[in-house]
Amino acid sequence: GYVPMNIFPREVQPDLVAAVPEFLRILNLRCAVHEYRMVAQGHMD
């Protein structure tokens, strides 16, 4: 999935980072167009 860490409040970022190993892959494309395109096509979850 896509999780744009940098735009979440700084105080919750450590908890988001701690969750990363629980997933197959976490990315951030800095672009909602391509993130939603990938999810709609089933390429990302």
ModelCIF file with pLDDT and N, C-alpha, C, O atoms, coordinates in Angstrom:
data_MODEL
#
_entry.id   MODEL 
#
_entity.id                         1 
_entity.type                       polymer 
_entity.pdbx_number_of_molecules   1 
#
_entity_poly.entity_id                      1 
_entity_poly.type                           'polypeptide(L)' 
_entity_poly.nstd_linkage                   no 
_entity_poly.nstd_monomer                   no 
_entity_poly.pdbx_seq_one_letter_code       GYVPMNIFPREVQPDLVAAVPEFLRILNLRCAVHEYRMVAQGHMD 
_entity_poly.pdbx_seq_one_letter_code_can   GYVPMNIFPREVQPDLVAAVPEFLRILNLRCAVHEYRMVAQGHMD 
_entity_poly.pdbx_strand_id                 A 
#
loop_
_entity_poly_seq.entity_id 
_entity_poly_seq.num 
_entity_poly_seq.mon_id 
_entity_poly_seq.hetero 
1 1  GLY n 
1 2  TYR n 
1 3  VAL n 
1 4  PRO n 
1 5  MET n 
1 6  ASN n 
1 7  ILE n 
1 8  PHE n 
1 9  PRO n 
1 10 ARG n 
1 11 GLU n 
1 12 VAL n 
1 13 GLN n 
1 14 PRO n 
1 15 ASP n 
1 16 LEU n 
1 17 VAL n 
1 18 ALA n 
1 19 ALA n 
1 20 VAL n 
1 21 PRO n 
1 22 GLU n 
1 23 PHE n 
1 24 LEU n 
1 25 ARG n 
1 26 ILE n 
1 27 LEU n 
1 28 ASN n 
1 29 LEU n 
1 30 ARG n 
1 31 CYS n 
1 32 ALA n 
1 33 VAL n 
1 34 HIS n 
1 35 GLU n 
1 36 TYR n 
1 37 ARG n 
1 38 MET n 
1 39 VAL n 
1 40 ALA n 
1 41 GLN n 
1 42 GLY n 
1 43 HIS n 
1 44 MET n 
1 45 ASP n 
#
_struct_asym.id          A 
_struct_asym.entity_id   1 
#
loop_
_ma_qa_metric.id 
_ma_qa_metric.mode 
_ma_qa_metric.name 
_ma_qa_metric.software_group_id 
_ma_qa_metric.type 
1 global pLDDT . pLDDT 
2 local  pLDDT . pLDDT 
#
_ma_qa_metric_global.metric_id      1 
_ma_qa_metric_global.metric_value   96.84 
_ma_qa_metric_global.model_id       1 
_ma_qa_metric_global.ordinal_id     1 
#
loop_
_ma_qa_metric_local.label_asym_id 
_ma_qa_metric_local.label_comp_id 
_ma_qa_metric_local.label_seq_id 
_ma_qa_metric_local.metric_id 
_ma_qa_metric_local.metric_value 
_ma_qa_metric_local.model_id 
_ma_qa_metric_local.ordinal_id 
A GLY 1  2 98.00 1 1  
A TYR 2  2 98.00 1 2  
A VAL 3  2 98.00 1 3  
A PRO 4  2 96.00 1 4  
A MET 5  2 94.00 1 5  
A ASN 6  2 91.00 1 6  
A ILE 7  2 93.00 1 7  
A PHE 8  2 96.00 1 8  
A PRO 9  2 94.00 1 9  
A ARG 10 2 95.00 1 10 
A GLU 11 2 96.00 1 11 
A VAL 12 2 96.00 1 12 
A GLN 13 2 97.00 1 13 
A PRO 14 2 97.00 1 14 
A ASP 15 2 97.00 1 15 
A LEU 16 2 97.00 1 16 
A VAL 17 2 96.00 1 17 
A ALA 18 2 97.00 1 18 
A ALA 19 2 97.00 1 19 
A VAL 20 2 96.00 1 20 
A PRO 21 2 97.00 1 21 
A GLU 22 2 97.00 1 22 
A PHE 23 2 98.00 1 23 
A LEU 24 2 98.00 1 24 
A ARG 25 2 97.00 1 25 
A ILE 26 2 98.00 1 26 
A LEU 27 2 97.00 1 27 
A ASN 28 2 96.00 1 28 
A LEU 29 2 97.00 1 29 
A ARG 30 2 95.00 1 30 
A CYS 31 2 97.00 1 31 
A ALA 32 2 98.00 1 32 
A VAL 33 2 98.00 1 33 
A HIS 34 2 98.00 1 34 
A GLU 35 2 98.00 1 35 
A TYR 36 2 98.00 1 36 
A ARG 37 2 98.00 1 37 
A MET 38 2 98.00 1 38 
A VAL 39 2 98.00 1 39 
A ALA 40 2 98.00 1 40 
A GLN 41 2 98.00 1 41 
A GLY 42 2 98.00 1 42 
A HIS 43 2 98.00 1 43 
A MET 44 2 98.00 1 44 
A ASP 45 2 98.00 1 45 
#
loop_
_atom_site.group_PDB 
_atom_site.id 
_atom_site.type_symbol 
_atom_site.label_atom_id 
_atom_site.label_alt_id 
_atom_site.label_comp_id 
_atom_site.label_asym_id 
_atom_site.label_entity_id 
_atom_site.label_seq_id 
_atom_site.pdbx_PDB_ins_code 
_atom_site.Cartn_x 
_atom_site.Cartn_y 
_atom_site.Cartn_z 
_atom_site.occupancy 
_atom_site.B_iso_or_equiv 
_atom_site.pdbx_formal_charge 
_atom_site.auth_seq_id 
_atom_site.auth_comp_id 
_atom_site.auth_asym_id 
_atom_site.auth_atom_id 
_atom_site.pdbx_PDB_model_num 
ATOM 1   N N  . GLY A 1 1  ? 0.800  -1.218 0.000   1.00 98.00 ? 1  GLY A N  1 
ATOM 2   C CA . GLY A 1 1  ? 0.000  0.000  0.000   1.00 98.00 ? 1  GLY A CA 1 
ATOM 3   C C  . GLY A 1 1  ? 0.826  1.257  0.000   1.00 98.00 ? 1  GLY A C  1 
ATOM 4   O O  . GLY A 1 1  ? 2.055  1.229  0.059   1.00 98.00 ? 1  GLY A O  1 
ATOM 5   N N  . TYR A 1 2  ? 0.110  2.366  -0.068  1.00 98.00 ? 2  TYR A N  1 
ATOM 6   C CA . TYR A 1 2  ? 0.716  3.691  -0.077  1.00 98.00 ? 2  TYR A CA 1 
ATOM 7   C C  . TYR A 1 2  ? 0.423  4.400  1.237   1.00 98.00 ? 2  TYR A C  1 
ATOM 8   O O  . TYR A 1 2  ? -0.735 4.545  1.630   1.00 98.00 ? 2  TYR A O  1 
ATOM 9   N N  . VAL A 1 3  ? 1.471  4.838  1.908   1.00 98.00 ? 3  VAL A N  1 
ATOM 10  C CA . VAL A 1 3  ? 1.349  5.591  3.151   1.00 98.00 ? 3  VAL A CA 1 
ATOM 11  C C  . VAL A 1 3  ? 2.334  6.767  3.074   1.00 98.00 ? 3  VAL A C  1 
ATOM 12  O O  . VAL A 1 3  ? 3.534  6.562  3.258   1.00 98.00 ? 3  VAL A O  1 
ATOM 13  N N  . PRO A 1 4  ? 1.868  7.968  2.812   1.00 96.00 ? 4  PRO A N  1 
ATOM 14  C CA . PRO A 1 4  ? 2.756  9.129  2.707   1.00 96.00 ? 4  PRO A CA 1 
ATOM 15  C C  . PRO A 1 4  ? 3.152  9.643  4.088   1.00 96.00 ? 4  PRO A C  1 
ATOM 16  O O  . PRO A 1 4  ? 2.542  10.578 4.607   1.00 96.00 ? 4  PRO A O  1 
ATOM 17  N N  . MET A 1 5  ? 4.157  9.039  4.670   1.00 94.00 ? 5  MET A N  1 
ATOM 18  C CA . MET A 1 5  ? 4.544  9.313  6.064   1.00 94.00 ? 5  MET A CA 1 
ATOM 19  C C  . MET A 1 5  ? 4.687  10.808 6.351   1.00 94.00 ? 5  MET A C  1 
ATOM 20  O O  . MET A 1 5  ? 4.264  11.283 7.405   1.00 94.00 ? 5  MET A O  1 
ATOM 21  N N  . ASN A 1 6  ? 5.278  11.542 5.417   1.00 91.00 ? 6  ASN A N  1 
ATOM 22  C CA . ASN A 1 6  ? 5.653  12.927 5.680   1.00 91.00 ? 6  ASN A CA 1 
ATOM 23  C C  . ASN A 1 6  ? 4.475  13.866 5.864   1.00 91.00 ? 6  ASN A C  1 
ATOM 24  O O  . ASN A 1 6  ? 4.652  14.946 6.427   1.00 91.00 ? 6  ASN A O  1 
ATOM 25  N N  . ILE A 1 7  ? 3.270  13.497 5.411   1.00 93.00 ? 7  ILE A N  1 
ATOM 26  C CA . ILE A 1 7  ? 2.151  14.418 5.560   1.00 93.00 ? 7  ILE A CA 1 
ATOM 27  C C  . ILE A 1 7  ? 1.278  14.097 6.770   1.00 93.00 ? 7  ILE A C  1 
ATOM 28  O O  . ILE A 1 7  ? 0.281  14.778 7.011   1.00 93.00 ? 7  ILE A O  1 
ATOM 29  N N  . PHE A 1 8  ? 1.641  13.067 7.532   1.00 96.00 ? 8  PHE A N  1 
ATOM 30  C CA . PHE A 1 8  ? 0.957  12.796 8.795   1.00 96.00 ? 8  PHE A CA 1 
ATOM 31  C C  . PHE A 1 8  ? 1.592  13.641 9.897   1.00 96.00 ? 8  PHE A C  1 
ATOM 32  O O  . PHE A 1 8  ? 2.748  14.047 9.779   1.00 96.00 ? 8  PHE A O  1 
ATOM 33  N N  . PRO A 1 9  ? 0.843  13.908 10.966  1.00 94.00 ? 9  PRO A N  1 
ATOM 34  C CA . PRO A 1 9  ? 1.432  14.658 12.079  1.00 94.00 ? 9  PRO A CA 1 
ATOM 35  C C  . PRO A 1 9  ? 2.711  13.990 12.574  1.00 94.00 ? 9  PRO A C  1 
ATOM 36  O O  . PRO A 1 9  ? 2.796  12.764 12.645  1.00 94.00 ? 9  PRO A O  1 
ATOM 37  N N  . ARG A 1 10 ? 3.697  14.803 12.913  1.00 95.00 ? 10 ARG A N  1 
ATOM 38  C CA . ARG A 1 10 ? 5.002  14.275 13.286  1.00 95.00 ? 10 ARG A CA 1 
ATOM 39  C C  . ARG A 1 10 ? 4.919  13.312 14.466  1.00 95.00 ? 10 ARG A C  1 
ATOM 40  O O  . ARG A 1 10 ? 5.692  12.359 14.553  1.00 95.00 ? 10 ARG A O  1 
ATOM 41  N N  . GLU A 1 11 ? 3.973  13.568 15.378  1.00 96.00 ? 11 GLU A N  1 
ATOM 42  C CA . GLU A 1 11 ? 3.911  12.738 16.582  1.00 96.00 ? 11 GLU A CA 1 
ATOM 43  C C  . GLU A 1 11 ? 3.443  11.311 16.305  1.00 96.00 ? 11 GLU A C  1 
ATOM 44  O O  . GLU A 1 11 ? 3.703  10.424 17.118  1.00 96.00 ? 11 GLU A O  1 
ATOM 45  N N  . VAL A 1 12 ? 2.762  11.061 15.188  1.00 96.00 ? 12 VAL A N  1 
ATOM 46  C CA . VAL A 1 12 ? 2.315  9.698  14.867  1.00 96.00 ? 12 VAL A CA 1 
ATOM 47  C C  . VAL A 1 12 ? 3.233  8.994  13.877  1.00 96.00 ? 12 VAL A C  1 
ATOM 48  O O  . VAL A 1 12 ? 3.072  7.798  13.636  1.00 96.00 ? 12 VAL A O  1 
ATOM 49  N N  . GLN A 1 13 ? 4.176  9.699  13.307  1.00 97.00 ? 13 GLN A N  1 
ATOM 50  C CA . GLN A 1 13 ? 5.052  9.091  12.306  1.00 97.00 ? 13 GLN A CA 1 
ATOM 51  C C  . GLN A 1 13 ? 5.835  7.889  12.829  1.00 97.00 ? 13 GLN A C  1 
ATOM 52  O O  . GLN A 1 13 ? 5.982  6.910  12.098  1.00 97.00 ? 13 GLN A O  1 
ATOM 53  N N  . PRO A 1 14 ? 6.352  7.920  14.078  1.00 97.00 ? 14 PRO A N  1 
ATOM 54  C CA . PRO A 1 14 ? 7.046  6.720  14.573  1.00 97.00 ? 14 PRO A CA 1 
ATOM 55  C C  . PRO A 1 14 ? 6.157  5.482  14.602  1.00 97.00 ? 14 PRO A C  1 
ATOM 56  O O  . PRO A 1 14 ? 6.626  4.380  14.316  1.00 97.00 ? 14 PRO A O  1 
ATOM 57  N N  . ASP A 1 15 ? 4.874  5.651  14.944  1.00 97.00 ? 15 ASP A N  1 
ATOM 58  C CA . ASP A 1 15 ? 3.961  4.506  14.964  1.00 97.00 ? 15 ASP A CA 1 
ATOM 59  C C  . ASP A 1 15 ? 3.682  3.994  13.550  1.00 97.00 ? 15 ASP A C  1 
ATOM 60  O O  . ASP A 1 15 ? 3.527  2.790  13.346  1.00 97.00 ? 15 ASP A O  1 
ATOM 61  N N  . LEU A 1 16 ? 3.618  4.892  12.586  1.00 97.00 ? 16 LEU A N  1 
ATOM 62  C CA . LEU A 1 16 ? 3.437  4.467  11.200  1.00 97.00 ? 16 LEU A CA 1 
ATOM 63  C C  . LEU A 1 16 ? 4.659  3.699  10.707  1.00 97.00 ? 16 LEU A C  1 
ATOM 64  O O  . LEU A 1 16 ? 4.527  2.669  10.046  1.00 97.00 ? 16 LEU A O  1 
ATOM 65  N N  . VAL A 1 17 ? 5.842  4.201  11.031  1.00 96.00 ? 17 VAL A N  1 
ATOM 66  C CA . VAL A 1 17 ? 7.071  3.519  10.627  1.00 96.00 ? 17 VAL A CA 1 
ATOM 67  C C  . VAL A 1 17 ? 7.143  2.136  11.261  1.00 96.00 ? 17 VAL A C  1 
ATOM 68  O O  . VAL A 1 17 ? 7.575  1.177  10.621  1.00 96.00 ? 17 VAL A O  1 
ATOM 69  N N  . ALA A 1 18 ? 6.722  2.033  12.512  1.00 97.00 ? 18 ALA A N  1 
ATOM 70  C CA . ALA A 1 18 ? 6.753  0.740  13.206  1.00 97.00 ? 18 ALA A CA 1 
ATOM 71  C C  . ALA A 1 18 ? 5.846  -0.287 12.553  1.00 97.00 ? 18 ALA A C  1 
ATOM 72  O O  . ALA A 1 18 ? 6.081  -1.489 12.677  1.00 97.00 ? 18 ALA A O  1 
ATOM 73  N N  . ALA A 1 19 ? 4.798  0.177  11.849  1.00 97.00 ? 19 ALA A N  1 
ATOM 74  C CA . ALA A 1 19 ? 3.859  -0.750 11.208  1.00 97.00 ? 19 ALA A CA 1 
ATOM 75  C C  . ALA A 1 19 ? 4.373  -1.278 9.873   1.00 97.00 ? 19 ALA A C  1 
ATOM 76  O O  . ALA A 1 19 ? 3.865  -2.285 9.381   1.00 97.00 ? 19 ALA A O  1 
ATOM 77  N N  . VAL A 1 20 ? 5.360  -0.630 9.281   1.00 96.00 ? 20 VAL A N  1 
ATOM 78  C CA . VAL A 1 20 ? 5.817  -0.987 7.935   1.00 96.00 ? 20 VAL A CA 1 
ATOM 79  C C  . VAL A 1 20 ? 6.198  -2.463 7.786   1.00 96.00 ? 20 VAL A C  1 
ATOM 80  O O  . VAL A 1 20 ? 5.806  -3.081 6.797   1.00 96.00 ? 20 VAL A O  1 
ATOM 81  N N  . PRO A 1 21 ? 6.955  -3.061 8.739   1.00 97.00 ? 21 PRO A N  1 
ATOM 82  C CA . PRO A 1 21 ? 7.352  -4.467 8.549   1.00 97.00 ? 21 PRO A CA 1 
ATOM 83  C C  . PRO A 1 21 ? 6.200  -5.466 8.531   1.00 97.00 ? 21 PRO A C  1 
ATOM 84  O O  . PRO A 1 21 ? 6.387  -6.620 8.145   1.00 97.00 ? 21 PRO A O  1 
ATOM 85  N N  . GLU A 1 22 ? 5.005  -5.032 8.947   1.00 97.00 ? 22 GLU A N  1 
ATOM 86  C CA . GLU A 1 22 ? 3.865  -5.944 8.977   1.00 97.00 ? 22 GLU A CA 1 
ATOM 87  C C  . GLU A 1 22 ? 3.247  -6.152 7.592   1.00 97.00 ? 22 GLU A C  1 
ATOM 88  O O  . GLU A 1 22 ? 2.395  -7.023 7.417   1.00 97.00 ? 22 GLU A O  1 
ATOM 89  N N  . PHE A 1 23 ? 3.672  -5.358 6.612   1.00 98.00 ? 23 PHE A N  1 
ATOM 90  C CA . PHE A 1 23 ? 3.088  -5.413 5.279   1.00 98.00 ? 23 PHE A CA 1 
ATOM 91  C C  . PHE A 1 23 ? 4.105  -5.949 4.273   1.00 98.00 ? 23 PHE A C  1 
ATOM 92  O O  . PHE A 1 23 ? 5.307  -5.986 4.537   1.00 98.00 ? 23 PHE A O  1 
ATOM 93  N N  . LEU A 1 24 ? 3.598  -6.356 3.134   1.00 98.00 ? 24 LEU A N  1 
ATOM 94  C CA . LEU A 1 24 ? 4.495  -6.818 2.078   1.00 98.00 ? 24 LEU A CA 1 
ATOM 95  C C  . LEU A 1 24 ? 5.351  -5.676 1.553   1.00 98.00 ? 24 LEU A C  1 
ATOM 96  O O  . LEU A 1 24 ? 6.551  -5.837 1.331   1.00 98.00 ? 24 LEU A O  1 
ATOM 97  N N  . ARG A 1 25 ? 4.715  -4.507 1.355   1.00 97.00 ? 25 ARG A N  1 
ATOM 98  C CA . ARG A 1 25 ? 5.444  -3.355 0.837   1.00 97.00 ? 25 ARG A CA 1 
ATOM 99  C C  . ARG A 1 25 ? 4.668  -2.076 1.117   1.00 97.00 ? 25 ARG A C  1 
ATOM 100 O O  . ARG A 1 25 ? 3.446  -2.044 0.967   1.00 97.00 ? 25 ARG A O  1 
ATOM 101 N N  . ILE A 1 26 ? 5.376  -1.013 1.526   1.00 98.00 ? 26 ILE A N  1 
ATOM 102 C CA . ILE A 1 26 ? 4.793  0.297  1.740   1.00 98.00 ? 26 ILE A CA 1 
ATOM 103 C C  . ILE A 1 26 ? 5.562  1.300  0.887   1.00 98.00 ? 26 ILE A C  1 
ATOM 104 O O  . ILE A 1 26 ? 6.789  1.369  0.953   1.00 98.00 ? 26 ILE A O  1 
ATOM 105 N N  . LEU A 1 27 ? 4.837  2.075  0.088   1.00 97.00 ? 27 LEU A N  1 
ATOM 106 C CA . LEU A 1 27 ? 5.451  3.032  -0.824  1.00 97.00 ? 27 LEU A CA 1 
ATOM 107 C C  . LEU A 1 27 ? 4.779  4.398  -0.689  1.00 97.00 ? 27 LEU A C  1 
ATOM 108 O O  . LEU A 1 27 ? 3.774  4.547  0.006   1.00 97.00 ? 27 LEU A O  1 
ATOM 109 N N  . ASN A 1 28 ? 5.350  5.385  -1.363  1.00 96.00 ? 28 ASN A N  1 
ATOM 110 C CA . ASN A 1 28 ? 4.779  6.730  -1.456  1.00 96.00 ? 28 ASN A CA 1 
ATOM 111 C C  . ASN A 1 28 ? 5.234  7.326  -2.778  1.00 96.00 ? 28 ASN A C  1 
ATOM 112 O O  . ASN A 1 28 ? 6.420  7.602  -2.954  1.00 96.00 ? 28 ASN A O  1 
ATOM 113 N N  . LEU A 1 29 ? 4.308  7.527  -3.709  1.00 97.00 ? 29 LEU A N  1 
ATOM 114 C CA . LEU A 1 29 ? 4.646  8.048  -5.026  1.00 97.00 ? 29 LEU A CA 1 
ATOM 115 C C  . LEU A 1 29 ? 4.570  9.564  -5.109  1.00 97.00 ? 29 LEU A C  1 
ATOM 116 O O  . LEU A 1 29 ? 4.929  10.141 -6.136  1.00 97.00 ? 29 LEU A O  1 
ATOM 117 N N  . ARG A 1 30 ? 4.111  10.219 -4.051  1.00 95.00 ? 30 ARG A N  1 
ATOM 118 C CA . ARG A 1 30 ? 3.891  11.665 -4.055  1.00 95.00 ? 30 ARG A CA 1 
ATOM 119 C C  . ARG A 1 30 ? 2.922  12.066 -5.162  1.00 95.00 ? 30 ARG A C  1 
ATOM 120 O O  . ARG A 1 30 ? 3.047  13.144 -5.743  1.00 95.00 ? 30 ARG A O  1 
ATOM 121 N N  . CYS A 1 31 ? 1.961  11.200 -5.450  1.00 97.00 ? 31 CYS A N  1 
ATOM 122 C CA . CYS A 1 31 ? 1.050  11.469 -6.567  1.00 97.00 ? 31 CYS A CA 1 
ATOM 123 C C  . CYS A 1 31 ? -0.201 10.614 -6.430  1.00 97.00 ? 31 CYS A C  1 
ATOM 124 O O  . CYS A 1 31 ? -0.160 9.404  -6.652  1.00 97.00 ? 31 CYS A O  1 
ATOM 125 N N  . ALA A 1 32 ? -1.322 11.248 -6.060  1.00 98.00 ? 32 ALA A N  1 
ATOM 126 C CA . ALA A 1 32 ? -2.567 10.507 -5.869  1.00 98.00 ? 32 ALA A CA 1 
ATOM 127 C C  . ALA A 1 32 ? -3.061 9.885  -7.165  1.00 98.00 ? 32 ALA A C  1 
ATOM 128 O O  . ALA A 1 32 ? -3.655 8.807  -7.140  1.00 98.00 ? 32 ALA A O  1 
ATOM 129 N N  . VAL A 1 33 ? -2.828 10.544 -8.307  1.00 98.00 ? 33 VAL A N  1 
ATOM 130 C CA . VAL A 1 33 ? -3.250 9.983  -9.588  1.00 98.00 ? 33 VAL A CA 1 
ATOM 131 C C  . VAL A 1 33 ? -2.739 8.556  -9.737  1.00 98.00 ? 33 VAL A C  1 
ATOM 132 O O  . VAL A 1 33 ? -3.517 7.635  -9.985  1.00 98.00 ? 33 VAL A O  1 
ATOM 133 N N  . HIS A 1 34 ? -1.449 8.378  -9.589  1.00 98.00 ? 34 HIS A N  1 
ATOM 134 C CA . HIS A 1 34 ? -0.863 7.064  -9.855  1.00 98.00 ? 34 HIS A CA 1 
ATOM 135 C C  . HIS A 1 34 ? -1.097 6.086  -8.706  1.00 98.00 ? 34 HIS A C  1 
ATOM 136 O O  . HIS A 1 34 ? -1.156 4.877  -8.934  1.00 98.00 ? 34 HIS A O  1 
ATOM 137 N N  . GLU A 1 35 ? -1.230 6.578  -7.489  1.00 98.00 ? 35 GLU A N  1 
ATOM 138 C CA . GLU A 1 35 ? -1.535 5.673  -6.385  1.00 98.00 ? 35 GLU A CA 1 
ATOM 139 C C  . GLU A 1 35 ? -2.931 5.084  -6.548  1.00 98.00 ? 35 GLU A C  1 
ATOM 140 O O  . GLU A 1 35 ? -3.106 3.871  -6.426  1.00 98.00 ? 35 GLU A O  1 
ATOM 141 N N  . TYR A 1 36 ? -3.925 5.925  -6.820  1.00 98.00 ? 36 TYR A N  1 
ATOM 142 C CA . TYR A 1 36 ? -5.282 5.404  -7.016  1.00 98.00 ? 36 TYR A CA 1 
ATOM 143 C C  . TYR A 1 36 ? -5.399 4.570  -8.295  1.00 98.00 ? 36 TYR A C  1 
ATOM 144 O O  . TYR A 1 36 ? -6.161 3.604  -8.338  1.00 98.00 ? 36 TYR A O  1 
ATOM 145 N N  . ARG A 1 37 ? -4.656 4.935  -9.324  1.00 98.00 ? 37 ARG A N  1 
ATOM 146 C CA . ARG A 1 37 ? -4.664 4.116  -10.534 1.00 98.00 ? 37 ARG A CA 1 
ATOM 147 C C  . ARG A 1 37 ? -4.188 2.694  -10.229 1.00 98.00 ? 37 ARG A C  1 
ATOM 148 O O  . ARG A 1 37 ? -4.771 1.723  -10.712 1.00 98.00 ? 37 ARG A O  1 
ATOM 149 N N  . MET A 1 38 ? -3.144 2.578  -9.439  1.00 98.00 ? 38 MET A N  1 
ATOM 150 C CA . MET A 1 38 ? -2.597 1.268  -9.111  1.00 98.00 ? 38 MET A CA 1 
ATOM 151 C C  . MET A 1 38 ? -3.566 0.453  -8.249  1.00 98.00 ? 38 MET A C  1 
ATOM 152 O O  . MET A 1 38 ? -3.713 -0.753 -8.452  1.00 98.00 ? 38 MET A O  1 
ATOM 153 N N  . VAL A 1 39 ? -4.223 1.106  -7.293  1.00 98.00 ? 39 VAL A N  1 
ATOM 154 C CA . VAL A 1 39 ? -5.177 0.387  -6.434  1.00 98.00 ? 39 VAL A CA 1 
ATOM 155 C C  . VAL A 1 39 ? -6.400 -0.040 -7.247  1.00 98.00 ? 39 VAL A C  1 
ATOM 156 O O  . VAL A 1 39 ? -6.885 -1.160 -7.083  1.00 98.00 ? 39 VAL A O  1 
ATOM 157 N N  . ALA A 1 40 ? -6.898 0.826  -8.112  1.00 98.00 ? 40 ALA A N  1 
ATOM 158 C CA . ALA A 1 40 ? -8.076 0.492  -8.912  1.00 98.00 ? 40 ALA A CA 1 
ATOM 159 C C  . ALA A 1 40 ? -7.813 -0.682 -9.857  1.00 98.00 ? 40 ALA A C  1 
ATOM 160 O O  . ALA A 1 40 ? -8.728 -1.438 -10.184 1.00 98.00 ? 40 ALA A O  1 
ATOM 161 N N  . GLN A 1 41 ? -6.566 -0.828 -10.291 1.00 98.00 ? 41 GLN A N  1 
ATOM 162 C CA . GLN A 1 41 ? -6.217 -1.926 -11.193 1.00 98.00 ? 41 GLN A CA 1 
ATOM 163 C C  . GLN A 1 41 ? -5.867 -3.206 -10.449 1.00 98.00 ? 41 GLN A C  1 
ATOM 164 O O  . GLN A 1 41 ? -5.630 -4.239 -11.076 1.00 98.00 ? 41 GLN A O  1 
ATOM 165 N N  . GLY A 1 42 ? -5.833 -3.155 -9.128  1.00 98.00 ? 42 GLY A N  1 
ATOM 166 C CA . GLY A 1 42 ? -5.494 -4.333 -8.349  1.00 98.00 ? 42 GLY A CA 1 
ATOM 167 C C  . GLY A 1 42 ? -4.005 -4.587 -8.235  1.00 98.00 ? 42 GLY A C  1 
ATOM 168 O O  . GLY A 1 42 ? -3.600 -5.640 -7.743  1.00 98.00 ? 42 GLY A O  1 
ATOM 169 N N  . HIS A 1 43 ? -3.178 -3.650 -8.678  1.00 98.00 ? 43 HIS A N  1 
ATOM 170 C CA . HIS A 1 43 ? -1.728 -3.816 -8.597  1.00 98.00 ? 43 HIS A CA 1 
ATOM 171 C C  . HIS A 1 43 ? -1.197 -3.502 -7.195  1.00 98.00 ? 43 HIS A C  1 
ATOM 172 O O  . HIS A 1 43 ? -0.168 -4.036 -6.782  1.00 98.00 ? 43 HIS A O  1 
ATOM 173 N N  . MET A 1 44 ? -1.899 -2.641 -6.474  1.00 98.00 ? 44 MET A N  1 
ATOM 174 C CA . MET A 1 44 ? -1.610 -2.343 -5.072  1.00 98.00 ? 44 MET A CA 1 
ATOM 175 C C  . MET A 1 44 ? -2.914 -2.512 -4.305  1.00 98.00 ? 44 MET A C  1 
ATOM 176 O O  . MET A 1 44 ? -3.997 -2.502 -4.891  1.00 98.00 ? 44 MET A O  1 
ATOM 177 N N  . ASP A 1 45 ? -2.801 -2.666 -2.986  1.00 98.00 ? 45 ASP A N  1 
ATOM 178 C CA . ASP A 1 45 ? -3.952 -3.113 -2.207  1.00 98.00 ? 45 ASP A CA 1 
ATOM 179 C C  . ASP A 1 45 ? -4.642 -2.031 -1.394  1.00 98.00 ? 45 ASP A C  1 
ATOM 180 O O  . ASP A 1 45 ? -5.622 -2.307 -0.703  1.00 98.00 ? 45 ASP A O  1 
#
